[in-house]
C-alpha atoms as a PDB file:
ATOM      1  CA  MET A   1       1.153  -9.425  -0.788  1.00  0.00           C
ATOM      2  CA  GLU A   2       4.335  -7.206  -1.203  1.00  0.00           C
ATOM      3  CA  THR A   3       5.991  -5.103   1.170  1.00  0.00           C
ATOM      4  CA  LYS A   4       8.819  -2.987   0.700  1.00  0.00           C
ATOM      5  CA  LYS A   5      10.652  -0.254   3.291  1.00  0.00           C
ATOM      6  CA  HIS A   6      11.799   3.082   2.363  1.00  0.00           C
ATOM      7  CA  PHE A   7      15.094   3.205   3.718  1.00  0.00           C
ATOM      8  CA  THR A   8      15.335   7.361   4.135  1.00  0.00           C
ATOM      9  CA  LYS A   9      12.216   8.128   5.745  1.00  0.00           C
ATOM     10  CA  GLY A  10      11.647   5.046   7.159  1.00  0.00           C
ATOM     11  CA  TRP A  11       8.173   3.878   5.579  1.00  0.00           C
ATOM     12  CA  GLU A  12       6.853   0.264   5.121  1.00  0.00           C
ATOM     13  CA  VAL A  13       4.640   0.165   2.060  1.00  0.00           C
ATOM     14  CA  SER A  14       2.559  -3.244   1.059  1.00  0.00           C
ATOM     15  CA  ILE A  15       0.394  -4.087  -1.367  1.00  0.00           C
ATOM     16  CA  THR A  16      -2.426  -6.585  -0.640  1.00  0.00           C
ATOM     17  CA  GLU A  17      -5.068  -7.849  -2.879  1.00  0.00           C
ATOM     18  CA  PHE A  18      -8.760  -8.915  -1.597  1.00  0.00           C
ATOM     19  CA  GLN A  19     -12.212  -9.898  -2.753  1.00  0.00           C
ATOM     20  CA  SER A  20     -15.151  -8.026  -1.805  1.00  0.00           C
ATOM     21  CA  LYS A  21     -19.025  -7.993  -2.912  1.00  0.00           C
ATOM     22  CA  GLU A  22     -18.143  -5.501  -5.654  1.00  0.00           C
ATOM     23  CA  GLY A  23     -15.333  -7.682  -6.711  1.00  0.00           C
ATOM     24  CA  LYS A  24     -11.381  -7.786  -6.234  1.00  0.00           C
ATOM     25  CA  LYS A  25      -9.744  -5.062  -5.036  1.00  0.00           C
ATOM     26  CA  PHE A  26      -6.263  -3.869  -4.300  1.00  0.00           C
ATOM     27  CA  LYS A  27      -4.978  -2.308  -0.600  1.00  0.00           C
ATOM     28  CA  VAL A  28      -2.334  -0.268  -0.365  1.00  0.00           C
ATOM     29  CA  THR A  29      -0.623   0.656   2.986  1.00  0.00           C
ATOM     30  CA  ARG A  30       1.841   2.595   4.287  1.00  0.00           C
ATOM     31  CA  ARG A  31       3.210   2.345   8.048  1.00  0.00           C
ATOM     32  CA  LEU A  32       5.687   4.447  10.142  1.00  0.00           C
ATOM     33  CA  PRO A  33       6.293   1.616  12.629  1.00  0.00           C
ATOM     34  CA  SER A  34       8.269   3.851  15.068  1.00  0.00           C
ATOM     35  CA  MET A  35       5.218   6.146  15.664  1.00  0.00           C
ATOM     36  CA  SER A  36       2.231   3.787  15.348  1.00  0.00           C
ATOM     37  CA  VAL A  37       1.150   5.918  11.928  1.00  0.00           C
ATOM     38  CA  ALA A  38      -0.506   4.206   9.278  1.00  0.00           C
ATOM     39  CA  GLU A  39      -2.318   5.081   5.909  1.00  0.00           C
ATOM     40  CA  THR A  40      -4.516   2.922   3.552  1.00  0.00           C
ATOM     41  CA  LYS A  41      -5.962   3.556   0.333  1.00  0.00           C
ATOM     42  CA  VAL A  42      -8.335   0.903  -2.095  1.00  0.00           C
ATOM     43  CA  PHE A  43      -8.003   0.805  -5.862  1.00  0.00           C
ATOM     44  CA  LYS A  44      -9.954  -1.189  -7.872  1.00  0.00           C
ATOM     45  CA  THR A  45      -7.316  -1.889 -10.484  1.00  0.00           C
ATOM     46  CA  LYS A  46      -3.814  -3.363 -10.190  1.00  0.00           C
ATOM     47  CA  GLU A  47      -2.240  -0.494 -12.178  1.00  0.00           C
ATOM     48  CA  GLU A  48      -3.861   2.067  -9.591  1.00  0.00           C
ATOM     49  CA  ALA A  49      -2.683   0.342  -6.702  1.00  0.00           C
ATOM     50  CA  LYS A  50       0.633  -0.208  -8.259  1.00  0.00           C
ATOM     51  CA  ARG A  51       1.158   3.942  -9.195  1.00  0.00           C
ATOM     52  CA  GLN A  52       0.399   4.732  -5.405  1.00  0.00           C
ATOM     53  CA  PHE A  53       2.519   1.915  -4.324  1.00  0.00           C
ATOM     54  CA  GLU A  54       5.505   3.260  -6.403  1.00  0.00           C
ATOM     55  CA  GLU A  55       4.894   6.909  -5.578  1.00  0.00           C
ATOM     56  CA  TRP A  56       4.878   6.278  -1.609  1.00  0.00           C
ATOM     57  CA  LEU A  57       8.132   4.463  -2.271  1.00  0.00           C
ATOM     58  CA  GLY A  58       9.270   7.320  -4.412  1.00  0.00           C
END
């Protein structure tokens, strides 16, 4: 699991690998702890997940 924080917007962005019945998947989550808000997306490939991770940090 990798977690980074966007310094100007306050988002905490994390990427997690997990196993499902369909195989390995990657979950990318961004949280705004001060407002108890979160958004999660699930991807089949690490490359897609990493792209989303970097986009949310950008």
